[in-house]
C-alpha atoms as a PDB file:
ATOM      1  CA  UNK A   1     -30.952 -38.823  12.279  1.00  0.00           C
ATOM      2  CA  UNK A   2     -29.374 -38.830  15.712  1.00  0.00           C
ATOM      3  CA  UNK A   3     -31.251 -39.800  18.863  1.00  0.00           C
ATOM      4  CA  UNK A   4     -31.274 -38.975  22.548  1.00  0.00           C
ATOM      5  CA  UNK A   5     -33.072 -41.656  24.528  1.00  0.00           C
ATOM      6  CA  UNK A   6     -34.695 -41.579  27.950  1.00  0.00           C
ATOM      7  CA  UNK A   7     -36.083 -44.880  29.209  1.00  0.00           C
ATOM      8  CA  UNK A   8     -38.128 -45.996  32.175  1.00  0.00           C
ATOM      9  CA  UNK A   9     -39.051 -42.566  33.562  1.00  0.00           C
ATOM     10  CA  UNK A  10     -41.777 -43.068  36.207  1.00  0.00           C
ATOM     11  CA  UNK A  11     -44.204 -40.189  36.763  1.00  0.00           C
ATOM     12  CA  UNK A  12     -47.180 -40.014  39.133  1.00  0.00           C
ATOM     13  CA  UNK A  13     -50.304 -38.513  37.568  1.00  0.00           C
ATOM     14  CA  UNK A  14     -54.082 -38.610  37.543  1.00  0.00           C
ATOM     15  CA  UNK A  15     -55.118 -40.399  34.365  1.00  0.00           C
ATOM     16  CA  UNK A  16     -57.937 -42.626  33.260  1.00  0.00           C
ATOM     17  CA  UNK A  17     -61.554 -42.750  32.180  1.00  0.00           C
ATOM     18  CA  UNK A  18     -62.868 -45.534  34.385  1.00  0.00           C
ATOM     19  CA  UNK A  19     -64.596 -44.925  37.708  1.00  0.00           C
ATOM     20  CA  UNK A  20     -62.053 -44.204  40.423  1.00  0.00           C
ATOM     21  CA  UNK A  21     -59.023 -43.797  38.146  1.00  0.00           C
ATOM     22  CA  UNK A  22     -58.888 -40.006  38.473  1.00  0.00           C
ATOM     23  CA  UNK A  23     -59.394 -40.263  42.251  1.00  0.00           C
ATOM     24  CA  UNK A  24     -55.914 -41.588  42.947  1.00  0.00           C
ATOM     25  CA  UNK A  25     -52.554 -40.953  41.318  1.00  0.00           C
ATOM     26  CA  UNK A  26     -51.177 -43.675  39.089  1.00  0.00           C
ATOM     27  CA  UNK A  27     -47.663 -44.260  37.884  1.00  0.00           C
ATOM     28  CA  UNK A  28     -47.023 -44.082  34.173  1.00  0.00           C
ATOM     29  CA  UNK A  29     -43.647 -45.081  32.758  1.00  0.00           C
ATOM     30  CA  UNK A  30     -42.331 -43.026  29.867  1.00  0.00           C
ATOM     31  CA  UNK A  31     -39.739 -43.874  27.224  1.00  0.00           C
ATOM     32  CA  UNK A  32     -38.587 -41.176  24.799  1.00  0.00           C
ATOM     33  CA  UNK A  33     -36.501 -41.163  21.668  1.00  0.00           C
ATOM     34  CA  UNK A  34     -35.745 -37.621  20.599  1.00  0.00           C
ATOM     35  CA  UNK A  35     -34.473 -37.080  17.066  1.00  0.00           C
ATOM     36  CA  UNK A  36     -32.042 -34.215  16.542  1.00  0.00           C
ATOM     37  CA  UNK A  37     -28.941 -33.267  14.545  1.00  0.00           C
ATOM     38  CA  UNK A  38     -25.835 -34.013  16.598  1.00  0.00           C
ATOM     39  CA  UNK A  39     -23.445 -32.269  14.180  1.00  0.00           C
ATOM     40  CA  UNK A  40     -23.371 -28.875  15.909  1.00  0.00           C
ATOM     41  CA  UNK A  41     -23.146 -30.020  19.551  1.00  0.00           C
ATOM     42  CA  UNK A  42     -20.496 -32.578  18.618  1.00  0.00           C
ATOM     43  CA  UNK A  43     -18.408 -29.793  17.090  1.00  0.00           C
ATOM     44  CA  UNK A  44     -18.920 -27.151  19.789  1.00  0.00           C
ATOM     45  CA  UNK A  45     -19.430 -29.109  23.020  1.00  0.00           C
ATOM     46  CA  UNK A  46     -21.973 -26.475  24.061  1.00  0.00           C
ATOM     47  CA  UNK A  47     -25.146 -27.593  25.857  1.00  0.00           C
ATOM     48  CA  UNK A  48     -27.342 -24.946  24.208  1.00  0.00           C
ATOM     49  CA  UNK A  49     -26.477 -26.495  20.813  1.00  0.00           C
ATOM     50  CA  UNK A  50     -28.198 -29.768  21.708  1.00  0.00           C
ATOM     51  CA  UNK A  51     -31.358 -31.030  23.403  1.00  0.00           C
ATOM     52  CA  UNK A  52     -30.767 -30.923  27.162  1.00  0.00           C
ATOM     53  CA  UNK A  53     -31.992 -34.323  28.372  1.00  0.00           C
ATOM     54  CA  UNK A  54     -32.103 -33.146  32.006  1.00  0.00           C
ATOM     55  CA  UNK A  55     -34.376 -30.321  30.874  1.00  0.00           C
ATOM     56  CA  UNK A  56     -36.537 -32.794  28.954  1.00  0.00           C
ATOM     57  CA  UNK A  57     -36.898 -35.026  32.043  1.00  0.00           C
ATOM     58  CA  UNK A  58     -37.868 -32.058  34.216  1.00  0.00           C
ATOM     59  CA  UNK A  59     -40.361 -30.805  31.623  1.00  0.00           C
ATOM     60  CA  UNK A  60     -41.976 -34.237  31.193  1.00  0.00           C
ATOM     61  CA  UNK A  61     -42.236 -34.795  34.953  1.00  0.00           C
ATOM     62  CA  UNK A  62     -43.881 -31.421  35.543  1.00  0.00           C
ATOM     63  CA  UNK A  63     -46.182 -31.642  32.534  1.00  0.00           C
ATOM     64  CA  UNK A  64     -47.374 -35.228  33.037  1.00  0.00           C
ATOM     65  CA  UNK A  65     -47.879 -34.904  36.785  1.00  0.00           C
ATOM     66  CA  UNK A  66     -50.174 -31.903  36.222  1.00  0.00           C
ATOM     67  CA  UNK A  67     -51.904 -33.089  33.042  1.00  0.00           C
ATOM     68  CA  UNK A  68     -55.110 -34.746  34.278  1.00  0.00           C
ATOM     69  CA  UNK A  69     -55.693 -36.408  30.882  1.00  0.00           C
ATOM     70  CA  UNK A  70     -58.336 -39.077  30.564  1.00  0.00           C
ATOM     71  CA  UNK A  71     -56.707 -41.087  27.797  1.00  0.00           C
ATOM     72  CA  UNK A  72     -53.073 -42.116  27.564  1.00  0.00           C
ATOM     73  CA  UNK A  73     -53.376 -41.387  23.817  1.00  0.00           C
ATOM     74  CA  UNK A  74     -54.215 -37.761  24.622  1.00  0.00           C
ATOM     75  CA  UNK A  75     -51.324 -37.546  27.072  1.00  0.00           C
ATOM     76  CA  UNK A  76     -48.876 -38.809  24.442  1.00  0.00           C
ATOM     77  CA  UNK A  77     -50.004 -36.180  21.910  1.00  0.00           C
ATOM     78  CA  UNK A  78     -49.890 -33.425  24.497  1.00  0.00           C
ATOM     79  CA  UNK A  79     -46.364 -34.431  25.550  1.00  0.00           C
ATOM     80  CA  UNK A  80     -45.164 -34.290  21.938  1.00  0.00           C
ATOM     81  CA  UNK A  81     -46.637 -30.821  21.491  1.00  0.00           C
ATOM     82  CA  UNK A  82     -45.131 -29.556  24.730  1.00  0.00           C
ATOM     83  CA  UNK A  83     -41.679 -30.937  23.911  1.00  0.00           C
ATOM     84  CA  UNK A  84     -41.736 -29.397  20.451  1.00  0.00           C
ATOM     85  CA  UNK A  85     -42.637 -25.998  21.882  1.00  0.00           C
ATOM     86  CA  UNK A  86     -39.956 -26.102  24.586  1.00  0.00           C
ATOM     87  CA  UNK A  87     -37.080 -27.730  22.680  1.00  0.00           C
ATOM     88  CA  UNK A  88     -36.652 -26.120  19.275  1.00  0.00           C
ATOM     89  CA  UNK A  89     -33.833 -28.456  18.165  1.00  0.00           C
ATOM     90  CA  UNK A  90     -36.110 -31.515  18.181  1.00  0.00           C
ATOM     91  CA  UNK A  91     -36.792 -33.064  14.783  1.00  0.00           C
ATOM     92  CA  UNK A  92     -38.849 -36.022  16.020  1.00  0.00           C
ATOM     93  CA  UNK A  93     -40.367 -37.307  19.235  1.00  0.00           C
ATOM     94  CA  UNK A  94     -41.073 -40.995  19.747  1.00  0.00           C
ATOM     95  CA  UNK A  95     -42.887 -41.488  23.042  1.00  0.00           C
ATOM     96  CA  UNK A  96     -44.077 -44.652  24.733  1.00  0.00           C
ATOM     97  CA  UNK A  97     -46.316 -44.350  27.794  1.00  0.00           C
ATOM     98  CA  UNK A  98     -46.965 -47.484  29.813  1.00  0.00           C
ATOM     99  CA  UNK A  99     -49.661 -47.823  32.496  1.00  0.00           C
ATOM    100  CA  UNK A 100     -48.278 -50.637  34.687  1.00  0.00           C
ATOM    101  CA  UNK A 101     -51.292 -50.590  37.025  1.00  0.00           C
ATOM    102  CA  UNK A 102     -53.654 -51.233  34.127  1.00  0.00           C
ATOM    103  CA  UNK A 103     -51.390 -53.994  32.852  1.00  0.00           C
ATOM    104  CA  UNK A 104     -51.363 -55.708  36.255  1.00  0.00           C
ATOM    105  CA  UNK A 105     -55.139 -55.434  36.530  1.00  0.00           C
ATOM    106  CA  UNK A 106     -55.561 -57.126  33.146  1.00  0.00           C
ATOM    107  CA  UNK A 107     -52.795 -59.712  33.611  1.00  0.00           C
ATOM    108  CA  UNK A 108     -50.513 -58.247  30.937  1.00  0.00           C
ATOM    109  CA  UNK A 109     -46.829 -57.419  30.927  1.00  0.00           C
ATOM    110  CA  UNK A 110     -47.520 -53.870  29.712  1.00  0.00           C
ATOM    111  CA  UNK A 111     -50.260 -51.668  28.307  1.00  0.00           C
ATOM    112  CA  UNK A 112     -49.949 -48.225  26.824  1.00  0.00           C
ATOM    113  CA  UNK A 113     -49.434 -46.250  23.663  1.00  0.00           C
ATOM    114  CA  UNK A 114     -46.498 -45.339  21.461  1.00  0.00           C
ATOM    115  CA  UNK A 115     -46.538 -42.522  18.923  1.00  0.00           C
ATOM    116  CA  UNK A 116     -43.952 -40.816  16.732  1.00  0.00           C
ATOM    117  CA  UNK A 117     -44.224 -37.244  15.545  1.00  0.00           C
ATOM    118  CA  UNK A 118     -41.949 -35.355  13.195  1.00  0.00           C
ATOM    119  CA  UNK A 119     -41.488 -31.600  13.028  1.00  0.00           C
ATOM    120  CA  UNK A 120     -40.436 -29.370  10.178  1.00  0.00           C
END
Protein backbone atom coordinates (compact mmCIF):
# COMPACT_ATOMS: atom_id res chain seq x y z
CA UNK A 1 0.00 0.00 0.00
CA UNK A 2 1.15 3.52 -0.76
CA UNK A 3 1.12 6.32 1.80
CA UNK A 4 0.70 10.07 1.93
CA UNK A 5 2.03 11.47 5.19
CA UNK A 6 1.30 14.71 7.01
CA UNK A 7 3.31 15.34 10.16
CA UNK A 8 3.29 17.92 12.91
CA UNK A 9 0.06 19.72 11.99
CA UNK A 10 -0.88 22.01 14.91
CA UNK A 11 -4.58 22.78 15.40
CA UNK A 12 -6.23 24.88 18.11
CA UNK A 13 -9.35 23.29 19.60
CA UNK A 14 -11.41 22.93 22.74
CA UNK A 15 -10.77 19.45 24.09
CA UNK A 16 -10.62 17.78 27.46
CA UNK A 17 -12.65 16.39 30.32
CA UNK A 18 -10.94 18.04 33.28
CA UNK A 19 -12.18 21.25 34.87
CA UNK A 20 -11.13 24.25 32.81
CA UNK A 21 -9.91 22.33 29.75
CA UNK A 22 -12.92 23.23 27.60
CA UNK A 23 -12.72 26.87 28.74
CA UNK A 24 -9.61 27.66 26.72
CA UNK A 25 -8.35 26.43 23.37
CA UNK A 26 -5.50 23.95 23.40
CA UNK A 27 -3.11 22.98 20.65
CA UNK A 28 -3.17 19.41 19.46
CA UNK A 29 -0.54 18.16 17.02
CA UNK A 30 -1.70 15.73 14.36
CA UNK A 31 0.27 13.22 12.30
CA UNK A 32 -1.47 11.33 9.49
CA UNK A 33 -0.53 8.43 7.29
CA UNK A 34 -3.09 7.96 4.55
CA UNK A 35 -3.07 4.67 2.66
CA UNK A 36 -4.08 4.79 -0.99
CA UNK A 37 -3.25 3.23 -4.36
CA UNK A 38 -0.73 5.41 -6.18
CA UNK A 39 -0.98 3.49 -9.47
CA UNK A 40 -3.60 5.70 -11.14
CA UNK A 41 -2.26 9.14 -10.13
CA UNK A 42 1.27 8.07 -11.04
CA UNK A 43 0.05 7.16 -14.52
CA UNK A 44 -2.21 10.17 -15.14
CA UNK A 45 -0.65 13.01 -13.14
CA UNK A 46 -4.17 14.21 -12.35
CA UNK A 47 -4.92 15.54 -8.86
CA UNK A 48 -8.46 14.12 -8.77
CA UNK A 49 -6.95 10.62 -9.15
CA UNK A 50 -5.17 10.87 -5.80
CA UNK A 51 -5.80 12.08 -2.25
CA UNK A 52 -5.28 15.85 -2.21
CA UNK A 53 -3.09 16.43 0.86
CA UNK A 54 -3.85 20.18 0.86
CA UNK A 55 -7.54 19.29 0.99
CA UNK A 56 -6.88 16.84 3.83
CA UNK A 57 -5.02 19.52 5.83
CA UNK A 58 -7.85 22.02 5.33
CA UNK A 59 -10.48 19.44 6.28
CA UNK A 60 -8.61 18.37 9.43
CA UNK A 61 -8.02 21.96 10.53
CA UNK A 62 -11.68 22.90 10.11
CA UNK A 63 -13.03 19.71 11.65
CA UNK A 64 -10.72 19.57 14.68
CA UNK A 65 -11.00 23.27 15.50
CA UNK A 66 -14.80 22.96 15.63
CA UNK A 67 -15.04 19.50 17.22
CA UNK A 68 -15.41 20.20 20.95
CA UNK A 69 -14.63 16.56 21.82
CA UNK A 70 -13.96 15.62 25.41
CA UNK A 71 -11.59 12.74 24.75
CA UNK A 72 -8.70 12.67 22.31
CA UNK A 73 -9.75 9.06 21.57
CA UNK A 74 -13.14 10.31 20.39
CA UNK A 75 -11.50 13.01 18.28
CA UNK A 76 -9.27 10.44 16.56
CA UNK A 77 -12.25 8.24 15.64
CA UNK A 78 -14.26 11.21 14.43
CA UNK A 79 -11.36 12.40 12.26
CA UNK A 80 -11.06 8.96 10.64
CA UNK A 81 -14.77 8.91 9.86
CA UNK A 82 -14.72 12.42 8.43
CA UNK A 83 -11.69 11.70 6.24
CA UNK A 84 -13.24 8.52 4.90
CA UNK A 85 -16.44 10.36 3.98
CA UNK A 86 -14.63 13.23 2.26
CA UNK A 87 -11.81 11.36 0.51
CA UNK A 88 -13.14 8.28 -1.26
CA UNK A 89 -9.71 7.09 -2.45
CA UNK A 90 -8.48 6.45 1.11
CA UNK A 91 -7.85 2.82 1.99
CA UNK A 92 -6.50 3.42 5.50
CA UNK A 93 -6.06 6.27 7.95
CA UNK A 94 -3.40 6.16 10.65
CA UNK A 95 -3.78 9.18 12.92
CA UNK A 96 -1.73 10.28 15.90
CA UNK A 97 -3.02 13.14 18.04
CA UNK A 98 -0.67 14.61 20.61
CA UNK A 99 -1.72 16.97 23.42
CA UNK A 100 1.53 18.83 24.18
CA UNK A 101 -0.04 20.89 26.99
CA UNK A 102 -1.06 17.73 28.83
CA UNK A 103 2.39 16.26 28.30
CA UNK A 104 4.06 19.36 29.75
CA UNK A 105 1.72 19.35 32.74
CA UNK A 106 2.62 15.73 33.49
CA UNK A 107 6.34 16.04 32.73
CA UNK A 108 6.24 13.82 29.63
CA UNK A 109 7.64 14.25 26.16
CA UNK A 110 4.25 13.52 24.58
CA UNK A 111 0.79 12.22 25.39
CA UNK A 112 -1.97 11.30 23.00
CA UNK A 113 -3.54 8.52 21.00
CA UNK A 114 -2.78 6.74 17.76
CA UNK A 115 -5.30 4.66 15.84
CA UNK A 116 -5.40 2.97 12.44
CA UNK A 117 -8.57 2.31 10.51
CA UNK A 118 -9.01 0.47 7.24
CA UNK A 119 -11.84 0.90 4.76
CA UNK A 120 -13.29 -1.48 2.23
